[in-house]
Protein backbone atom coordinates (compact mmCIF):
# COMPACT_ATOMS: atom_id res chain seq x y z
CA MET A 1 89.86 6.06 -28.77
CA LYS A 2 90.50 3.51 -31.54
CA ILE A 3 89.52 -0.05 -32.40
CA ASN A 4 91.67 -2.55 -30.44
CA ASP A 5 92.60 0.01 -27.77
CA ILE A 6 92.83 -1.57 -24.29
CA TYR A 7 91.27 0.08 -21.23
CA GLU A 8 90.65 -0.77 -17.60
CA VAL A 9 87.11 0.23 -16.63
CA THR A 10 84.63 -0.13 -13.79
CA ILE A 11 81.10 -1.17 -14.74
CA ILE A 12 78.57 1.40 -13.53
CA ASN A 13 75.35 -0.21 -14.79
CA GLU A 14 73.78 -3.07 -16.81
CA ASP A 15 71.22 -3.20 -19.61
CA MET A 16 68.69 -5.70 -20.97
CA GLU A 17 71.03 -6.75 -23.78
CA GLY A 18 73.35 -8.41 -21.26
CA ASN A 19 75.87 -5.57 -21.45
CA GLY A 20 77.79 -3.91 -18.67
CA ILE A 21 78.03 -0.13 -19.11
CA ALA A 22 81.16 1.90 -18.48
CA ARG A 23 82.33 5.40 -19.34
CA ILE A 24 85.69 6.67 -20.54
CA ASP A 25 85.91 10.47 -20.43
CA ASN A 26 82.09 10.46 -20.28
CA PHE A 27 81.90 8.37 -23.47
CA VAL A 28 79.65 5.31 -23.10
CA ILE A 29 81.08 1.81 -23.62
CA PHE A 30 78.90 -1.32 -23.78
CA ILE A 31 80.69 -4.53 -22.77
CA PHE A 32 78.77 -7.78 -23.28
CA GLY A 33 78.91 -10.10 -20.26
CA ALA A 34 80.22 -7.51 -17.79
CA LEU A 35 78.39 -6.93 -14.49
CA LYS A 36 77.81 -3.88 -12.32
CA ASN A 37 80.72 -2.99 -9.99
CA GLU A 38 83.15 -5.29 -11.79
CA LYS A 39 86.55 -3.93 -12.78
CA VAL A 40 87.50 -5.32 -16.19
CA LEU A 41 90.18 -4.99 -18.83
CA ILE A 42 88.51 -4.47 -22.21
CA LYS A 43 89.42 -4.19 -25.88
CA ILE A 44 87.45 -1.74 -28.05
CA THR A 45 85.73 -3.73 -30.83
CA GLU A 46 83.32 -1.17 -32.31
CA LEU A 47 83.32 2.62 -32.40
CA ASN A 48 80.35 4.88 -33.16
CA LYS A 49 79.70 8.59 -32.75
CA ARG A 50 77.73 8.21 -29.54
CA PHE A 51 79.09 5.00 -28.02
CA ALA A 52 81.60 2.19 -28.33
CA LYS A 53 81.50 -1.55 -27.74
CA GLY A 54 84.17 -3.50 -25.94
CA LYS A 55 85.14 -7.10 -25.27
CA ILE A 56 86.31 -8.43 -21.92
CA VAL A 57 89.99 -9.30 -21.95
CA ASN A 58 90.30 -9.98 -18.24
CA ILE A 59 88.12 -9.64 -15.13
CA ILE A 60 90.12 -7.89 -12.42
CA ILE A 61 87.40 -7.64 -9.76
CA LYS A 62 84.60 -10.19 -10.17
CA SER A 63 80.96 -9.66 -9.17
CA PRO A 64 79.47 -12.17 -6.69
CA LYS A 65 76.52 -12.32 -9.08
CA ARG A 66 78.68 -13.81 -11.85
CA ASN A 67 77.90 -17.38 -12.99
CA ARG A 68 80.19 -19.88 -14.64
CA ILE A 69 79.14 -19.90 -18.31
CA LEU A 70 78.02 -23.38 -19.34
CA CYS A 71 77.65 -22.79 -23.08
CA PRO A 72 80.82 -22.85 -25.27
CA ILE A 73 79.19 -20.69 -28.00
CA TYR A 74 77.63 -18.14 -25.64
CA ASP A 75 79.55 -15.19 -27.10
CA LYS A 76 78.86 -16.22 -30.72
CA CYS A 77 75.30 -17.43 -31.33
CA GLY A 78 73.50 -14.45 -29.78
CA GLY A 79 70.60 -16.53 -28.49
CA CYS A 80 71.31 -15.89 -24.80
CA ASN A 81 72.22 -12.73 -22.93
CA PHE A 82 72.34 -13.60 -19.23
CA LEU A 83 74.07 -16.96 -18.77
CA HIS A 84 76.97 -15.07 -17.17
CA THR A 85 74.89 -13.97 -14.17
CA SER A 86 72.36 -15.35 -11.70
CA TYR A 87 68.73 -15.65 -12.73
CA GLU A 88 67.82 -13.46 -9.77
CA ASN A 89 70.06 -10.69 -11.09
CA GLU A 90 68.65 -11.07 -14.61
CA ARG A 91 65.12 -10.58 -13.25
CA LYS A 92 66.21 -7.49 -11.33
CA ILE A 93 67.85 -5.95 -14.42
CA LYS A 94 64.71 -6.50 -16.50
CA LYS A 95 62.33 -5.26 -13.82
CA ASP A 96 64.40 -2.14 -13.14
CA GLN A 97 64.58 -1.19 -16.84
CA ILE A 98 60.85 -1.72 -17.43
CA GLU A 99 60.01 0.36 -14.36
CA ARG A 100 62.28 3.18 -15.51
CA LEU A 101 60.76 3.21 -18.98
CA PHE A 102 57.12 3.10 -17.84
CA ARG A 103 57.71 5.15 -14.68
CA ARG A 104 55.73 2.78 -12.50
CA LYS A 105 56.09 -0.28 -10.33
CA VAL A 106 55.37 -3.56 -12.11
CA ASN A 107 54.50 -7.04 -10.90
CA TYR A 108 56.99 -9.80 -11.71
CA LEU A 109 55.42 -13.14 -12.63
CA ASN A 110 58.15 -15.60 -11.68
CA THR A 111 58.90 -18.71 -13.68
CA ASN A 112 60.65 -21.62 -12.00
CA ASN A 113 62.47 -22.97 -15.04
CA SER A 114 65.16 -20.71 -16.44
CA LEU A 115 66.68 -23.51 -18.53
CA ASN A 116 65.32 -26.28 -20.81
CA TYR A 117 62.04 -24.43 -21.28
CA ARG A 118 61.91 -23.92 -25.07
CA ASN A 119 59.44 -26.21 -26.83
CA LYS A 120 60.46 -25.11 -30.33
CA VAL A 121 63.67 -24.40 -32.23
CA VAL A 122 64.64 -23.55 -35.82
CA LEU A 123 68.10 -24.74 -36.87
CA HIS A 124 70.12 -23.87 -39.96
CA ILE A 125 72.37 -26.12 -42.02
CA LYS A 126 75.37 -25.31 -44.19
CA ASN A 127 77.73 -27.94 -45.61
CA ASN A 128 76.17 -30.62 -43.38
CA LYS A 129 76.87 -28.49 -40.29
CA ILE A 130 73.79 -27.86 -38.15
CA GLY A 131 73.25 -25.20 -35.50
CA PHE A 132 72.38 -21.55 -34.95
CA TYR A 133 73.55 -18.62 -37.03
CA ASP A 134 76.47 -16.70 -35.60
CA SER A 135 74.94 -13.38 -34.54
CA LYS A 136 77.48 -11.38 -36.59
CA THR A 137 78.61 -13.50 -39.55
CA HIS A 138 75.74 -15.96 -40.25
CA ASN A 139 78.25 -18.80 -40.04
CA ILE A 140 76.86 -21.88 -38.34
CA CYS A 141 77.46 -22.22 -34.59
CA SER A 142 77.21 -25.94 -33.92
CA PHE A 143 76.60 -27.28 -30.41
CA ASN A 144 76.10 -30.51 -28.49
CA THR A 145 73.53 -29.16 -26.03
CA CYS A 146 71.53 -25.94 -25.95
CA TYR A 147 70.65 -25.24 -22.34
CA LEU A 148 67.44 -23.40 -23.25
CA LEU A 149 65.95 -26.28 -25.25
CA ASP A 150 63.67 -29.02 -23.99
CA SER A 151 65.60 -32.27 -23.45
CA LEU A 152 63.60 -34.06 -26.17
CA ILE A 153 64.63 -31.40 -28.69
CA ASN A 154 68.29 -31.77 -27.71
CA LYS A 155 67.96 -35.54 -28.13
CA THR A 156 66.35 -35.09 -31.56
CA ILE A 157 69.17 -32.79 -32.69
CA TYR A 158 71.67 -35.45 -31.62
CA ASN A 159 69.80 -38.00 -33.77
CA ILE A 160 69.60 -35.63 -36.76
CA LYS A 161 73.39 -35.31 -36.78
CA GLU A 162 73.59 -39.01 -37.74
CA TYR A 163 72.06 -38.27 -41.16
CA ASP A 164 73.43 -36.85 -44.40
CA LEU A 165 71.97 -33.33 -44.49
CA THR A 166 72.95 -32.50 -48.07
CA GLY A 167 70.26 -30.26 -49.58
CA VAL A 168 68.68 -29.52 -46.19
CA TYR A 169 68.99 -25.89 -45.11
CA GLU A 170 66.52 -25.51 -42.25
CA ILE A 171 64.90 -27.77 -39.65
CA MET A 172 62.13 -26.86 -37.22
CA ILE A 173 61.65 -29.08 -34.15
CA ARG A 174 58.79 -28.90 -31.66
CA SER A 175 58.37 -30.87 -28.44
CA VAL A 176 54.74 -31.18 -27.31
CA ASN A 177 53.55 -33.45 -24.49
CA ASN A 178 56.56 -35.76 -24.90
CA GLU A 179 56.02 -35.98 -28.66
CA VAL A 180 58.26 -34.52 -31.36
CA MET A 181 57.38 -32.76 -34.61
CA VAL A 182 59.99 -32.05 -37.29
CA ASN A 183 59.60 -29.88 -40.40
CA ILE A 184 62.47 -30.26 -42.88
CA ILE A 185 63.11 -27.50 -45.41
CA SER A 186 65.10 -29.05 -48.24
CA ASP A 187 65.88 -28.79 -51.94
CA ILE A 188 66.00 -32.60 -52.11
CA GLU A 189 62.69 -34.48 -52.02
CA ASN A 190 64.19 -37.82 -50.91
CA THR A 191 66.57 -36.57 -48.22
CA PRO A 192 67.75 -39.44 -45.94
CA LEU A 193 66.45 -37.41 -42.99
CA LEU A 194 62.92 -38.56 -43.92
CA ASN A 195 63.81 -41.83 -42.17
CA ILE A 196 64.08 -40.16 -38.78
CA ASP A 197 61.79 -41.60 -36.11
CA VAL A 198 59.55 -38.80 -34.82
CA ASP A 199 55.84 -38.47 -34.00
CA SER A 200 55.07 -35.96 -36.78
CA LEU A 201 57.18 -35.33 -39.88
CA TYR A 202 56.83 -32.61 -42.51
CA LEU A 203 58.89 -31.81 -45.59
CA ASN A 204 58.68 -28.24 -46.89
CA ASP A 205 55.53 -27.69 -44.79
CA LYS A 206 53.82 -30.79 -46.30
CA HIS A 207 52.81 -33.68 -44.06
CA ILE A 208 54.88 -36.83 -44.70
CA LYS A 209 54.15 -39.29 -41.90
CA GLY A 210 52.90 -39.59 -38.33
CA LYS A 211 50.41 -37.17 -36.83
CA GLU A 212 49.27 -34.11 -38.78
CA TYR A 213 49.31 -32.08 -35.62
CA LEU A 214 50.30 -32.53 -31.99
CA ILE A 215 48.06 -31.66 -29.05
CA ASP A 216 49.28 -29.79 -26.01
CA GLU A 217 47.27 -29.97 -22.77
CA ILE A 218 47.73 -26.98 -20.53
CA ASN A 219 45.54 -25.78 -17.71
CA LYS A 220 42.14 -27.33 -18.64
CA TYR A 221 42.52 -26.76 -22.37
CA LYS A 222 43.82 -28.66 -25.40
CA PHE A 223 45.61 -26.92 -28.27
CA SER A 224 46.47 -28.39 -31.65
CA ILE A 225 49.86 -27.43 -33.04
CA TYR A 226 50.95 -27.58 -36.69
CA PRO A 227 54.47 -26.73 -37.96
CA LEU A 228 53.45 -23.16 -38.85
CA SER A 229 51.26 -22.57 -35.79
CA PHE A 230 52.13 -19.68 -33.53
CA TYR A 231 52.38 -21.14 -30.04
CA GLN A 232 54.18 -19.79 -26.98
CA ILE A 233 57.59 -21.42 -26.58
CA ASN A 234 57.36 -21.60 -22.76
CA ASN A 235 54.33 -23.35 -21.24
CA GLU A 236 55.00 -22.08 -17.73
CA GLY A 237 55.32 -18.49 -18.95
CA MET A 238 52.23 -18.87 -21.14
CA THR A 239 50.16 -20.02 -18.16
CA SER A 240 51.35 -17.11 -16.00
CA ILE A 241 50.67 -14.48 -18.68
CA TYR A 242 47.26 -15.85 -19.68
CA ASN A 243 46.12 -16.19 -16.06
CA LYS A 244 47.17 -12.61 -15.32
CA ALA A 245 45.39 -11.41 -18.50
CA LYS A 246 42.25 -13.22 -17.33
CA GLU A 247 42.50 -11.50 -13.96
CA TYR A 248 42.90 -8.12 -15.71
CA ILE A 249 40.08 -8.54 -18.26
CA LEU A 250 37.55 -9.40 -15.48
CA GLY A 251 34.90 -10.86 -17.81
CA GLY A 252 31.63 -9.55 -19.20
CA ASP A 253 29.38 -9.70 -22.25
CA THR A 254 31.60 -9.51 -25.36
CA LEU A 255 35.35 -9.80 -25.89
CA LEU A 256 37.38 -8.99 -29.01
CA ASP A 257 40.63 -10.97 -29.29
CA LEU A 258 42.79 -9.20 -31.88
CA TYR A 259 45.79 -11.00 -33.42
CA CYS A 260 44.24 -14.18 -32.01
CA GLY A 261 46.62 -16.60 -33.75
CA THR A 262 45.47 -20.15 -33.07
CA GLY A 263 42.85 -18.97 -30.59
CA THR A 264 44.64 -19.83 -27.37
CA ILE A 265 43.94 -16.54 -25.56
CA GLY A 266 40.28 -16.28 -26.61
CA ILE A 267 39.66 -19.88 -25.58
CA TRP A 268 41.37 -19.20 -22.23
CA MET A 269 38.96 -16.27 -21.66
CA SER A 270 35.82 -17.91 -23.07
CA ASP A 271 34.37 -19.04 -19.73
CA ILE A 272 34.10 -15.46 -18.38
CA PHE A 273 32.41 -13.87 -21.44
CA ARG A 274 29.11 -14.52 -23.15
CA LYS A 275 30.69 -14.13 -26.59
CA VAL A 276 34.30 -14.02 -27.85
CA VAL A 277 35.39 -12.98 -31.35
CA GLY A 278 38.94 -13.77 -32.46
CA VAL A 279 40.50 -11.98 -35.45
CA GLU A 280 43.64 -13.16 -37.26
CA ILE A 281 44.98 -12.51 -40.77
CA ASN A 282 46.71 -15.89 -41.19
CA GLU A 283 44.39 -18.52 -42.74
CA SER A 284 46.40 -21.43 -41.35
CA SER A 285 46.11 -20.04 -37.83
CA ILE A 286 42.33 -19.62 -38.18
CA LYS A 287 42.05 -23.24 -39.35
CA ASN A 288 44.04 -24.21 -36.26
CA ALA A 289 41.86 -22.00 -34.03
CA ASN A 290 38.68 -23.70 -35.22
CA ILE A 291 40.20 -27.12 -34.46
CA ASN A 292 41.04 -25.85 -30.98
CA LYS A 293 37.48 -24.63 -30.55
CA LYS A 294 36.18 -28.15 -31.28
CA LEU A 295 38.83 -29.85 -29.13
CA ASN A 296 37.61 -27.83 -26.13
CA ASN A 297 33.87 -28.04 -26.93
CA ILE A 298 33.54 -24.25 -26.83
CA ASN A 299 30.49 -22.78 -28.56
CA ASN A 300 30.64 -19.10 -27.62
CA ILE A 301 33.72 -18.19 -29.68
CA GLU A 302 33.94 -17.18 -33.35
CA PHE A 303 37.13 -16.86 -35.38
CA ILE A 304 37.38 -14.44 -38.32
CA CYS A 305 40.16 -14.43 -40.89
CA SER A 306 40.80 -10.72 -41.44
CA ASP A 307 43.38 -7.99 -41.12
CA ALA A 308 43.04 -6.55 -37.60
CA LYS A 309 42.74 -3.01 -39.03
CA LYS A 310 39.47 -3.95 -40.80
CA ILE A 311 37.61 -4.98 -37.66
CA LYS A 312 34.25 -3.34 -36.94
CA GLY A 313 31.68 -3.64 -34.20
CA LYS A 314 31.43 -2.87 -30.50
CA PHE A 315 32.80 -4.98 -27.66
CA ASP A 316 32.81 -4.62 -23.89
CA SER A 317 36.49 -5.52 -23.69
CA ILE A 318 39.44 -5.99 -26.04
CA ILE A 319 42.56 -8.09 -25.70
CA VAL A 320 45.51 -7.74 -28.09
CA ASP A 321 48.69 -9.78 -28.53
CA PRO A 322 50.35 -8.26 -31.61
CA PRO A 323 53.68 -9.19 -33.24
CA ARG A 324 56.86 -7.43 -32.14
CA ASN A 325 56.16 -4.31 -34.24
CA GLY A 326 53.05 -3.61 -32.16
CA LEU A 327 49.69 -2.13 -33.17
CA SER A 328 49.09 -0.43 -36.49
CA LYS A 329 47.75 3.13 -36.58
CA ASP A 330 44.39 1.83 -37.83
CA VAL A 331 44.05 -0.54 -34.88
CA ILE A 332 45.02 2.21 -32.42
CA ASN A 333 42.37 4.49 -33.96
CA TYR A 334 39.78 1.71 -33.76
CA ILE A 335 40.53 1.05 -30.08
CA ASN A 336 40.53 4.76 -29.20
CA ASN A 337 37.07 5.12 -30.80
CA SER A 338 35.68 1.78 -29.64
CA ASN A 339 34.13 2.74 -26.30
CA SER A 340 35.35 -0.61 -24.94
CA LYS A 341 35.71 -0.18 -21.21
CA ARG A 342 38.80 -2.34 -20.77
CA LEU A 343 41.85 -3.22 -22.86
CA VAL A 344 44.41 -5.90 -22.02
CA TYR A 345 47.64 -5.66 -24.01
CA ILE A 346 50.08 -8.59 -24.14
CA SER A 347 53.43 -7.73 -25.69
CA CYS A 348 56.77 -9.40 -26.40
CA ASN A 349 58.36 -6.00 -27.18
CA TYR A 350 58.28 -3.49 -24.33
CA LYS A 351 59.47 -0.68 -26.60
CA THR A 352 56.53 -0.85 -29.03
CA LEU A 353 54.22 -1.44 -26.06
CA LYS A 354 55.33 1.88 -24.55
CA ARG A 355 54.86 3.63 -27.91
CA ASP A 356 51.34 2.22 -28.33
CA ILE A 357 50.22 3.01 -24.79
CA ASP A 358 51.24 6.63 -25.36
CA LEU A 359 49.13 6.65 -28.55
CA LEU A 360 46.06 5.11 -26.89
CA SER A 361 45.03 8.52 -25.64
CA ASN A 362 41.49 7.53 -24.63
CA TYR A 363 42.83 4.88 -22.25
CA VAL A 364 44.97 5.01 -19.15
CA LEU A 365 47.37 2.33 -17.94
CA LYS A 366 46.17 0.89 -14.62
CA GLU A 367 48.45 -2.04 -13.88
CA MET A 368 51.32 -3.91 -15.51
CA SER A 369 53.06 -7.25 -15.03
CA ILE A 370 56.10 -8.78 -16.68
CA CYS A 371 57.04 -12.42 -17.10
CA ASP A 372 60.13 -14.27 -18.23
CA MET A 373 58.69 -16.04 -21.25
CA PHE A 374 62.29 -16.15 -22.51
CA PRO A 375 64.64 -16.59 -19.50
CA ARG A 376 68.36 -15.97 -20.06
CA THR A 377 67.63 -13.87 -23.16
CA LYS A 378 67.15 -10.12 -23.61
CA HIS A 379 63.39 -10.54 -24.12
CA VAL A 380 60.58 -10.19 -21.62
CA GLU A 381 56.79 -10.60 -21.95
CA CYS A 382 54.53 -7.82 -20.67
CA VAL A 383 50.82 -7.85 -19.87
CA CYS A 384 48.95 -4.72 -18.84
CA VAL A 385 45.43 -3.49 -18.35
CA LEU A 386 44.15 -0.11 -19.57
CA GLU A 387 40.77 1.43 -18.81
CA ARG A 388 38.79 3.90 -20.85
CA ARG A 389 39.09 7.29 -19.24
CA GLN A 390 35.41 7.88 -18.46
CA ASN A 391 35.21 4.50 -16.75
CA ILE A 392 37.89 5.33 -14.21
CA LYS A 393 36.61 5.90 -10.71
CA ARG A 394 37.44 9.37 -9.54
């Protein structure tokens, strides 16, 4: 087998990267955009010791689950993985892989909107060309419409293209409650883009005009959002995950919310605990969390700016929502020795979630749900509940 060799293959399986999987003489080939049971003509594009990658040249037998691809840069930008198939099939692929990895049945928290759900985007600019980075070359993939983005964000991008972007190399856009926030990262202080009409405008993370922060209203809560705030990019997915976490955590006396960010999860849980303590290392996020505390008139929650590994004290229950690299060894040791009766773990990376659950030896996984926080992409959000071993009913 060599690069550029042509083969006719039948797809025997699919993975969460959006690849179809075939074998040639028992050698695995991953083909992006191919679907199970399809017969395709492929060209070998990459060759490794254990597997190869191929590109579809022609589809000989087409799957009934195949969709017409709307996006002209689908095979270049790398932002989406499942536009070539039905949303129902995407959910099945994700659910099947999670269940194989964790060796258990999981609940699927459905989201209705598989398109136009993203409330935030970061765009890159080179030579006045704006768009996403090409997944392989870091060239700019420009586009007229991104089908994952909120319509207000797409409209704002259209307006941005009317300006001279010389000296601008990154733009962040948020859409919150029908208002738009833009943060321009530029080497030029007086870029013409400062004249754009938006509700909140920042230049190099400094407030220029309009509102300092936007306020989202979701469920019964209000959340302030700054340019650097961590906030879930899908409101429907956020509601599903947080409600399931609330069901899992049950309530009680004291709750520790580790990696609390801007306090959204702790605030969501505050009405079923006597006391909530949120811990987050980012000072800006803690400032944001305290604003959110006041916005919601909540008095039983305290936010601490600290590295999660330094936390001390005893809590009835713990909830964690770490970054993609998961829990540190210090945090895992703390939880194992904490005597907390219940742990809810929210994760955007199922691989590090599985690793951490295996390391949390004093806890046992009781139930798990997954949610499409990021429909049409390779990502999935997980939420699970673990109980301390001596608290399990025998």
